[in-house]
């Protein structure tokens, strides 16, 4: 009889705890919905106001096997440094979207935004360089009907991250082709050529290797197709819709060997 009585007592406690958890969850959910702005309503318990201060993140030290707390301030500073670096690459641009009448409807603005991403990202202009990604759309102006066509032209102001290399810049590239005249590489969306005369003299071209490569006599350093290398831009050629670069490996800490041992 005592055993049954204790079991009944434990079951009652379990149900009480369950009801308390459910009530507390609903209370926090309602508080979060009331305090959150319209554009950010909590959708799950991850969005609810925390009961207590968050525990510091811990990271495992592979050398000692001990865990230690990661400084939140350090992580915030790192994020701020990345944000400042992106600000240097983010510029304000303008573009016009020509829209067919069949797109006029409740999804008009979304269509304009999608066409902006499609028409702008990945393109290149001689003045600003390559448009890597659109980050924000600042304004979509009033549409102007094109006479005799029915199309509407929407002026759009936006911010985008761009890539425009300059002479003397050190960048990482991927080797796409190797032959006796030099190396053909790609730096993201841009092509870059490294002449044989801009490769260190101790590296010789080996046409019999599979694949062909440039390597030292002791084969300590080998550069072949699909390798990642670090180079310096020594010149650029800017066209209307493209930018082409000339690179060099004739400097300290350039080439594949230094990336692997960086």
C-alpha atoms as a PDB file:
ATOM      1  CA  UNK A   1       0.000   0.000   0.000  1.00  0.00           C
ATOM      2  CA  UNK A   2       2.861   2.399   0.828  1.00  0.00           C
ATOM      3  CA  UNK A   3       4.487   1.669  -2.527  1.00  0.00           C
ATOM      4  CA  UNK A   4       1.281   2.490  -4.402  1.00  0.00           C
ATOM      5  CA  UNK A   5       0.867   5.665  -2.366  1.00  0.00           C
ATOM      6  CA  UNK A   6       4.407   6.830  -3.207  1.00  0.00           C
ATOM      7  CA  UNK A   7       3.908   5.972  -6.878  1.00  0.00           C
ATOM      8  CA  UNK A   8       0.692   8.002  -6.961  1.00  0.00           C
ATOM      9  CA  UNK A   9       2.501  10.936  -5.303  1.00  0.00           C
ATOM     10  CA  UNK A  10       5.314  10.831  -7.893  1.00  0.00           C
ATOM     11  CA  UNK A  11       2.828  10.758 -10.788  1.00  0.00           C
ATOM     12  CA  UNK A  12       1.021  13.798  -9.377  1.00  0.00           C
ATOM     13  CA  UNK A  13       4.335  15.671  -9.132  1.00  0.00           C
ATOM     14  CA  UNK A  14       5.139  14.826 -12.756  1.00  0.00           C
ATOM     15  CA  UNK A  15       1.812  16.214 -13.958  1.00  0.00           C
ATOM     16  CA  UNK A  16       2.254  19.346 -11.841  1.00  0.00           C
ATOM     17  CA  UNK A  17       5.700  19.982 -13.337  1.00  0.00           C
ATOM     18  CA  UNK A  18       4.322  19.410 -16.826  1.00  0.00           C
ATOM     19  CA  UNK A  19       1.498  21.894 -16.265  1.00  0.00           C
ATOM     20  CA  UNK A  20       3.937  24.443 -14.827  1.00  0.00           C
ATOM     21  CA  UNK A  21       6.237  24.148 -17.857  1.00  0.00           C
ATOM     22  CA  UNK A  22       3.314  24.558 -20.260  1.00  0.00           C
ATOM     23  CA  UNK A  23       1.992  27.584 -18.371  1.00  0.00           C
ATOM     24  CA  UNK A  24       5.423  29.216 -18.227  1.00  0.00           C
ATOM     25  CA  UNK A  25       5.942  28.616 -21.943  1.00  0.00           C
ATOM     26  CA  UNK A  26       2.621  30.264 -22.808  1.00  0.00           C
ATOM     27  CA  UNK A  27       3.386  33.198 -20.497  1.00  0.00           C
ATOM     28  CA  UNK A  28       6.758  33.821 -22.139  1.00  0.00           C
ATOM     29  CA  UNK A  29       5.255  33.394 -25.609  1.00  0.00           C
ATOM     30  CA  UNK A  30       2.559  36.003 -24.934  1.00  0.00           C
ATOM     31  CA  UNK A  31       5.132  38.388 -23.421  1.00  0.00           C
ATOM     32  CA  UNK A  32       7.382  37.967 -26.446  1.00  0.00           C
ATOM     33  CA  UNK A  33       4.542  38.593 -28.914  1.00  0.00           C
ATOM     34  CA  UNK A  34       3.425  41.749 -27.106  1.00  0.00           C
ATOM     35  CA  UNK A  35       6.920  43.220 -26.871  1.00  0.00           C
ATOM     36  CA  UNK A  36       8.216  42.213 -30.309  1.00  0.00           C
ATOM     37  CA  UNK A  37       7.693  44.520 -33.308  1.00  0.00           C
ATOM     38  CA  UNK A  38       5.313  43.457 -36.051  1.00  0.00           C
ATOM     39  CA  UNK A  39       8.098  42.390 -38.400  1.00  0.00           C
ATOM     40  CA  UNK A  40       9.635  40.027 -35.808  1.00  0.00           C
ATOM     41  CA  UNK A  41       7.114  37.912 -33.937  1.00  0.00           C
ATOM     42  CA  UNK A  42       8.504  34.929 -32.029  1.00  0.00           C
ATOM     43  CA  UNK A  43       7.776  31.763 -33.940  1.00  0.00           C
ATOM     44  CA  UNK A  44       9.285  29.254 -31.509  1.00  0.00           C
ATOM     45  CA  UNK A  45      10.913  28.979 -28.093  1.00  0.00           C
ATOM     46  CA  UNK A  46      14.220  30.150 -29.600  1.00  0.00           C
ATOM     47  CA  UNK A  47      12.697  33.607 -30.093  1.00  0.00           C
ATOM     48  CA  UNK A  48      11.304  33.922 -26.552  1.00  0.00           C
ATOM     49  CA  UNK A  49      12.819  36.261 -23.926  1.00  0.00           C
ATOM     50  CA  UNK A  50      15.434  34.273 -21.979  1.00  0.00           C
ATOM     51  CA  UNK A  51      14.850  33.446 -18.328  1.00  0.00           C
ATOM     52  CA  UNK A  52      18.444  33.974 -17.399  1.00  0.00           C
ATOM     53  CA  UNK A  53      21.655  35.222 -18.893  1.00  0.00           C
ATOM     54  CA  UNK A  54      22.942  32.995 -21.661  1.00  0.00           C
ATOM     55  CA  UNK A  55      25.795  30.742 -20.731  1.00  0.00           C
ATOM     56  CA  UNK A  56      29.109  31.591 -22.332  1.00  0.00           C
ATOM     57  CA  UNK A  57      29.955  29.472 -25.328  1.00  0.00           C
ATOM     58  CA  UNK A  58      32.662  26.918 -24.630  1.00  0.00           C
ATOM     59  CA  UNK A  59      35.202  25.623 -27.096  1.00  0.00           C
ATOM     60  CA  UNK A  60      37.417  22.532 -26.887  1.00  0.00           C
ATOM     61  CA  UNK A  61      41.168  23.058 -27.014  1.00  0.00           C
ATOM     62  CA  UNK A  62      42.517  20.274 -29.260  1.00  0.00           C
ATOM     63  CA  UNK A  63      46.022  20.451 -27.770  1.00  0.00           C
ATOM     64  CA  UNK A  64      45.122  20.162 -24.093  1.00  0.00           C
ATOM     65  CA  UNK A  65      41.706  18.535 -24.357  1.00  0.00           C
ATOM     66  CA  UNK A  66      40.253  21.159 -22.013  1.00  0.00           C
ATOM     67  CA  UNK A  67      37.281  23.369 -22.763  1.00  0.00           C
ATOM     68  CA  UNK A  68      37.347  27.105 -22.193  1.00  0.00           C
ATOM     69  CA  UNK A  69      34.844  29.923 -22.501  1.00  0.00           C
ATOM     70  CA  UNK A  70      34.833  31.949 -25.716  1.00  0.00           C
ATOM     71  CA  UNK A  71      34.822  35.673 -25.150  1.00  0.00           C
ATOM     72  CA  UNK A  72      31.578  37.194 -26.382  1.00  0.00           C
ATOM     73  CA  UNK A  73      33.306  40.559 -26.685  1.00  0.00           C
ATOM     74  CA  UNK A  74      35.961  39.039 -28.949  1.00  0.00           C
ATOM     75  CA  UNK A  75      33.294  37.503 -31.177  1.00  0.00           C
ATOM     76  CA  UNK A  76      31.460  40.826 -31.350  1.00  0.00           C
ATOM     77  CA  UNK A  77      34.671  42.665 -32.227  1.00  0.00           C
ATOM     78  CA  UNK A  78      35.402  40.131 -34.963  1.00  0.00           C
ATOM     79  CA  UNK A  79      31.918  40.597 -36.367  1.00  0.00           C
ATOM     80  CA  UNK A  80      32.357  44.367 -36.317  1.00  0.00           C
ATOM     81  CA  UNK A  81      35.673  44.068 -38.166  1.00  0.00           C
ATOM     82  CA  UNK A  82      34.039  41.922 -40.846  1.00  0.00           C
ATOM     83  CA  UNK A  83      31.186  44.413 -41.123  1.00  0.00           C
ATOM     84  CA  UNK A  84      33.627  47.313 -41.527  1.00  0.00           C
ATOM     85  CA  UNK A  85      35.530  45.382 -44.184  1.00  0.00           C
ATOM     86  CA  UNK A  86      32.297  44.753 -46.079  1.00  0.00           C
ATOM     87  CA  UNK A  87      31.425  48.441 -45.826  1.00  0.00           C
ATOM     88  CA  UNK A  88      34.563  49.204 -47.826  1.00  0.00           C
ATOM     89  CA  UNK A  89      33.292  46.920 -50.604  1.00  0.00           C
ATOM     90  CA  UNK A  90      29.627  47.990 -50.435  1.00  0.00           C
ATOM     91  CA  UNK A  91      28.579  50.860 -52.682  1.00  0.00           C
ATOM     92  CA  UNK A  92      25.302  52.481 -53.745  1.00  0.00           C
ATOM     93  CA  UNK A  93      24.205  51.792 -57.311  1.00  0.00           C
ATOM     94  CA  UNK A  94      21.201  52.398 -59.547  1.00  0.00           C
ATOM     95  CA  UNK A  95      19.514  50.166 -62.087  1.00  0.00           C
ATOM     96  CA  UNK A  96      16.369  50.304 -64.213  1.00  0.00           C
ATOM     97  CA  UNK A  97      14.019  47.321 -64.434  1.00  0.00           C
ATOM     98  CA  UNK A  98      11.820  47.003 -67.535  1.00  0.00           C
ATOM     99  CA  UNK A  99       8.707  45.025 -66.637  1.00  0.00           C
ATOM    100  CA  UNK A 100       6.169  43.371 -68.945  1.00  0.00           C
ATOM    101  CA  UNK A 101       2.467  44.081 -68.223  1.00  0.00           C
ATOM    102  CA  UNK A 102       1.836  40.411 -67.407  1.00  0.00           C
ATOM    103  CA  UNK A 103       3.745  40.904 -64.136  1.00  0.00           C
ATOM    104  CA  UNK A 104       1.387  43.622 -62.887  1.00  0.00           C
ATOM    105  CA  UNK A 105      -0.353  42.271 -59.813  1.00  0.00           C
ATOM    106  CA  UNK A 106      -0.001  41.686 -56.073  1.00  0.00           C
ATOM    107  CA  UNK A 107       3.557  40.314 -56.494  1.00  0.00           C
ATOM    108  CA  UNK A 108       4.797  43.289 -58.506  1.00  0.00           C
ATOM    109  CA  UNK A 109       7.452  44.453 -56.019  1.00  0.00           C
ATOM    110  CA  UNK A 110       8.768  40.929 -55.471  1.00  0.00           C
ATOM    111  CA  UNK A 111       9.078  40.522 -59.237  1.00  0.00           C
ATOM    112  CA  UNK A 112      11.048  43.772 -59.505  1.00  0.00           C
ATOM    113  CA  UNK A 113      13.408  42.632 -56.737  1.00  0.00           C
ATOM    114  CA  UNK A 114      13.914  39.208 -58.298  1.00  0.00           C
ATOM    115  CA  UNK A 115      14.670  40.722 -61.711  1.00  0.00           C
ATOM    116  CA  UNK A 116      17.159  43.072 -60.052  1.00  0.00           C
ATOM    117  CA  UNK A 117      19.058  40.136 -58.553  1.00  0.00           C
ATOM    118  CA  UNK A 118      19.002  38.291 -61.885  1.00  0.00           C
ATOM    119  CA  UNK A 119      20.101  41.226 -64.040  1.00  0.00           C
ATOM    120  CA  UNK A 120      22.733  42.720 -61.722  1.00  0.00           C
ATOM    121  CA  UNK A 121      24.508  39.999 -59.741  1.00  0.00           C
ATOM    122  CA  UNK A 122      27.493  38.545 -61.576  1.00  0.00           C
ATOM    123  CA  UNK A 123      27.776  41.416 -64.042  1.00  0.00           C
ATOM    124  CA  UNK A 124      30.756  43.713 -64.478  1.00  0.00           C
ATOM    125  CA  UNK A 125      31.255  47.370 -65.283  1.00  0.00           C
ATOM    126  CA  UNK A 126      34.556  49.053 -65.900  1.00  0.00           C
ATOM    127  CA  UNK A 127      33.821  51.763 -63.344  1.00  0.00           C
ATOM    128  CA  UNK A 128      32.716  49.688 -60.344  1.00  0.00           C
ATOM    129  CA  UNK A 129      33.993  46.191 -61.147  1.00  0.00           C
ATOM    130  CA  UNK A 130      32.144  42.932 -60.561  1.00  0.00           C
ATOM    131  CA  UNK A 131      28.838  43.016 -58.680  1.00  0.00           C
ATOM    132  CA  UNK A 132      29.101  40.078 -56.277  1.00  0.00           C
ATOM    133  CA  UNK A 133      25.794  40.363 -54.408  1.00  0.00           C
ATOM    134  CA  UNK A 134      22.980  42.827 -53.775  1.00  0.00           C
ATOM    135  CA  UNK A 135      22.782  43.456 -50.023  1.00  0.00           C
ATOM    136  CA  UNK A 136      19.920  45.944 -49.647  1.00  0.00           C
ATOM    137  CA  UNK A 137      17.309  47.579 -51.864  1.00  0.00           C
ATOM    138  CA  UNK A 138      16.976  51.190 -50.742  1.00  0.00           C
ATOM    139  CA  UNK A 139      14.190  52.400 -52.984  1.00  0.00           C
ATOM    140  CA  UNK A 140      11.982  51.301 -55.876  1.00  0.00           C
ATOM    141  CA  UNK A 141      10.776  54.413 -57.668  1.00  0.00           C
ATOM    142  CA  UNK A 142       7.469  55.015 -59.404  1.00  0.00           C
ATOM    143  CA  UNK A 143       7.155  53.176 -62.689  1.00  0.00           C
ATOM    144  CA  UNK A 144       7.172  55.058 -65.990  1.00  0.00           C
ATOM    145  CA  UNK A 145       4.964  53.655 -68.765  1.00  0.00           C
ATOM    146  CA  UNK A 146       6.777  53.303 -72.080  1.00  0.00           C
ATOM    147  CA  UNK A 147       4.695  54.906 -74.857  1.00  0.00           C
ATOM    148  CA  UNK A 148       3.362  52.507 -77.470  1.00  0.00           C
ATOM    149  CA  UNK A 149       4.657  49.387 -75.691  1.00  0.00           C
ATOM    150  CA  UNK A 150       2.850  49.025 -72.383  1.00  0.00           C
ATOM    151  CA  UNK A 151       6.080  48.155 -70.550  1.00  0.00           C
ATOM    152  CA  UNK A 152       6.879  49.971 -67.298  1.00  0.00           C
ATOM    153  CA  UNK A 153      10.359  51.159 -66.313  1.00  0.00           C
ATOM    154  CA  UNK A 154      11.155  51.067 -62.565  1.00  0.00           C
ATOM    155  CA  UNK A 155      14.226  52.940 -61.253  1.00  0.00           C
ATOM    156  CA  UNK A 156      15.824  51.029 -58.376  1.00  0.00           C
ATOM    157  CA  UNK A 157      18.445  52.238 -55.886  1.00  0.00           C
ATOM    158  CA  UNK A 158      20.354  49.513 -54.084  1.00  0.00           C
ATOM    159  CA  UNK A 159      23.589  48.638 -52.300  1.00  0.00           C
ATOM    160  CA  UNK A 160      25.860  45.855 -53.481  1.00  0.00           C
ATOM    161  CA  UNK A 161      29.197  44.262 -52.664  1.00  0.00           C
ATOM    162  CA  UNK A 162      31.592  44.788 -55.561  1.00  0.00           C
ATOM    163  CA  UNK A 163      35.028  43.443 -56.457  1.00  0.00           C
ATOM    164  CA  UNK A 164      37.400  45.711 -58.332  1.00  0.00           C
ATOM    165  CA  UNK A 165      41.064  44.645 -58.152  1.00  0.00           C
ATOM    166  CA  UNK A 166      43.873  47.163 -58.200  1.00  0.00           C
ATOM    167  CA  UNK A 167      47.558  47.050 -59.069  1.00  0.00           C
ATOM    168  CA  UNK A 168      49.713  45.677 -56.248  1.00  0.00           C
ATOM    169  CA  UNK A 169      46.869  43.768 -54.563  1.00  0.00           C
ATOM    170  CA  UNK A 170      47.673  40.253 -53.282  1.00  0.00           C
ATOM    171  CA  UNK A 171      44.842  37.781 -53.850  1.00  0.00           C
ATOM    172  CA  UNK A 172      44.163  34.040 -53.906  1.00  0.00           C
ATOM    173  CA  UNK A 173      43.383  32.334 -57.216  1.00  0.00           C
ATOM    174  CA  UNK A 174      42.621  28.922 -58.695  1.00  0.00           C
ATOM    175  CA  UNK A 175      44.764  27.597 -61.553  1.00  0.00           C
ATOM    176  CA  UNK A 176      42.615  26.686 -64.567  1.00  0.00           C
ATOM    177  CA  UNK A 177      45.270  25.976 -67.213  1.00  0.00           C
ATOM    178  CA  UNK A 178      49.022  25.326 -67.277  1.00  0.00           C
ATOM    179  CA  UNK A 179      51.212  25.527 -70.384  1.00  0.00           C
ATOM    180  CA  UNK A 180      54.675  26.651 -71.459  1.00  0.00           C
ATOM    181  CA  UNK A 181      53.680  30.315 -71.743  1.00  0.00           C
ATOM    182  CA  UNK A 182      52.468  30.531 -68.148  1.00  0.00           C
ATOM    183  CA  UNK A 183      49.500  30.008 -65.828  1.00  0.00           C
ATOM    184  CA  UNK A 184      45.865  30.890 -66.421  1.00  0.00           C
ATOM    185  CA  UNK A 185      43.968  31.474 -63.196  1.00  0.00           C
ATOM    186  CA  UNK A 186      40.608  32.662 -61.920  1.00  0.00           C
ATOM    187  CA  UNK A 187      40.149  35.113 -59.058  1.00  0.00           C
ATOM    188  CA  UNK A 188      36.465  34.648 -58.360  1.00  0.00           C
ATOM    189  CA  UNK A 189      34.720  36.006 -61.474  1.00  0.00           C
ATOM    190  CA  UNK A 190      37.905  37.532 -62.939  1.00  0.00           C
ATOM    191  CA  UNK A 191      40.520  35.883 -65.172  1.00  0.00           C
ATOM    192  CA  UNK A 192      44.216  36.436 -64.484  1.00  0.00           C
ATOM    193  CA  UNK A 193      47.271  35.393 -66.505  1.00  0.00           C
ATOM    194  CA  UNK A 194      50.753  34.795 -65.054  1.00  0.00           C
ATOM    195  CA  UNK A 195      53.502  34.866 -67.660  1.00  0.00           C
ATOM    196  CA  UNK A 196      56.383  32.397 -67.596  1.00  0.00           C
ATOM    197  CA  UNK A 197      58.671  35.357 -66.936  1.00  0.00           C
ATOM    198  CA  UNK A 198      56.680  36.188 -63.781  1.00  0.00           C
ATOM    199  CA  UNK A 199      57.206  32.715 -62.298  1.00  0.00           C
ATOM    200  CA  UNK A 200      60.352  32.109 -60.174  1.00  0.00           C
ATOM    201  CA  UNK A 201      63.273  30.853 -62.256  1.00  0.00           C
ATOM    202  CA  UNK A 202      63.764  27.766 -60.076  1.00  0.00           C
ATOM    203  CA  UNK A 203      60.385  26.472 -61.253  1.00  0.00           C
ATOM    204  CA  UNK A 204      60.451  24.746 -64.644  1.00  0.00           C
ATOM    205  CA  UNK A 205      57.570  23.690 -66.862  1.00  0.00           C
ATOM    206  CA  UNK A 206      57.142  19.907 -67.090  1.00  0.00           C
ATOM    207  CA  UNK A 207      55.009  18.982 -70.135  1.00  0.00           C
ATOM    208  CA  UNK A 208      55.404  15.238 -69.483  1.00  0.00           C
ATOM    209  CA  UNK A 209      53.746  15.416 -66.095  1.00  0.00           C
ATOM    210  CA  UNK A 210      50.101  14.430 -65.836  1.00  0.00           C
ATOM    211  CA  UNK A 211      48.701  17.025 -65.584  1.00  0.00           C
ATOM    212  CA  UNK A 212      51.361  19.472 -66.861  1.00  0.00           C
ATOM    213  CA  UNK A 213      52.833  21.589 -64.098  1.00  0.00           C
ATOM    214  CA  UNK A 214      55.512  23.997 -62.972  1.00  0.00           C
ATOM    215  CA  UNK A 215      57.785  22.525 -60.315  1.00  0.00           C
ATOM    216  CA  UNK A 216      61.174  22.876 -58.682  1.00  0.00           C
ATOM    217  CA  UNK A 217      63.989  20.383 -59.272  1.00  0.00           C
ATOM    218  CA  UNK A 218      63.376  18.618 -55.961  1.00  0.00           C
ATOM    219  CA  UNK A 219      59.586  18.781 -56.602  1.00  0.00           C
ATOM    220  CA  UNK A 220      59.151  20.514 -53.279  1.00  0.00           C
ATOM    221  CA  UNK A 221      56.912  23.078 -54.968  1.00  0.00           C
ATOM    222  CA  UNK A 222      54.434  21.979 -57.649  1.00  0.00           C
ATOM    223  CA  UNK A 223      51.785  24.129 -59.314  1.00  0.00           C
ATOM    224  CA  UNK A 224      49.263  22.382 -61.537  1.00  0.00           C
ATOM    225  CA  UNK A 225      45.641  22.660 -62.624  1.00  0.00           C
ATOM    226  CA  UNK A 226      43.036  23.182 -59.860  1.00  0.00           C
ATOM    227  CA  UNK A 227      45.705  24.260 -57.354  1.00  0.00           C
ATOM    228  CA  UNK A 228      45.122  27.310 -55.170  1.00  0.00           C
ATOM    229  CA  UNK A 229      47.881  29.891 -55.313  1.00  0.00           C
ATOM    230  CA  UNK A 230      48.544  33.358 -53.950  1.00  0.00           C
ATOM    231  CA  UNK A 231      49.623  35.995 -56.462  1.00  0.00           C
ATOM    232  CA  UNK A 232      50.158  39.718 -56.828  1.00  0.00           C
ATOM    233  CA  UNK A 233      48.290  41.720 -59.448  1.00  0.00           C
ATOM    234  CA  UNK A 234      50.766  43.752 -61.512  1.00  0.00           C
ATOM    235  CA  UNK A 235      48.335  45.131 -64.067  1.00  0.00           C
ATOM    236  CA  UNK A 236      44.706  45.227 -65.158  1.00  0.00           C
ATOM    237  CA  UNK A 237      42.865  45.762 -68.414  1.00  0.00           C
ATOM    238  CA  UNK A 238      39.407  47.268 -68.031  1.00  0.00           C
ATOM    239  CA  UNK A 239      36.836  46.778 -70.783  1.00  0.00           C
ATOM    240  CA  UNK A 240      33.244  47.938 -70.835  1.00  0.00           C
ATOM    241  CA  UNK A 241      31.845  44.692 -69.416  1.00  0.00           C
ATOM    242  CA  UNK A 242      34.911  42.843 -68.153  1.00  0.00           C
ATOM    243  CA  UNK A 243      38.177  43.190 -66.253  1.00  0.00           C
ATOM    244  CA  UNK A 244      41.285  41.144 -67.020  1.00  0.00           C
ATOM    245  CA  UNK A 245      44.368  41.007 -64.785  1.00  0.00           C
ATOM    246  CA  UNK A 246      48.055  40.161 -65.106  1.00  0.00           C
ATOM    247  CA  UNK A 247      49.657  38.498 -62.085  1.00  0.00           C
ATOM    248  CA  UNK A 248      53.084  37.616 -60.756  1.00  0.00           C
ATOM    249  CA  UNK A 249      54.646  35.121 -58.349  1.00  0.00           C
ATOM    250  CA  UNK A 250      57.949  37.029 -58.108  1.00  0.00           C
ATOM    251  CA  UNK A 251      57.625  38.127 -54.497  1.00  0.00           C
ATOM    252  CA  UNK A 252      57.774  36.760 -50.974  1.00  0.00           C
ATOM    253  CA  UNK A 253      54.997  34.486 -49.693  1.00  0.00           C
ATOM    254  CA  UNK A 254      53.465  33.930 -53.122  1.00  0.00           C
ATOM    255  CA  UNK A 255      52.593  30.611 -54.735  1.00  0.00           C
ATOM    256  CA  UNK A 256      50.969  27.396 -53.565  1.00  0.00           C
ATOM    257  CA  UNK A 257      53.689  26.370 -51.098  1.00  0.00           C
ATOM    258  CA  UNK A 258      53.081  29.370 -48.859  1.00  0.00           C
ATOM    259  CA  UNK A 259      49.317  28.831 -48.712  1.00  0.00           C
ATOM    260  CA  UNK A 260      49.782  25.251 -47.520  1.00  0.00           C
ATOM    261  CA  UNK A 261      52.190  26.351 -44.805  1.00  0.00           C
ATOM    262  CA  UNK A 262      50.528  29.640 -43.870  1.00  0.00           C
END
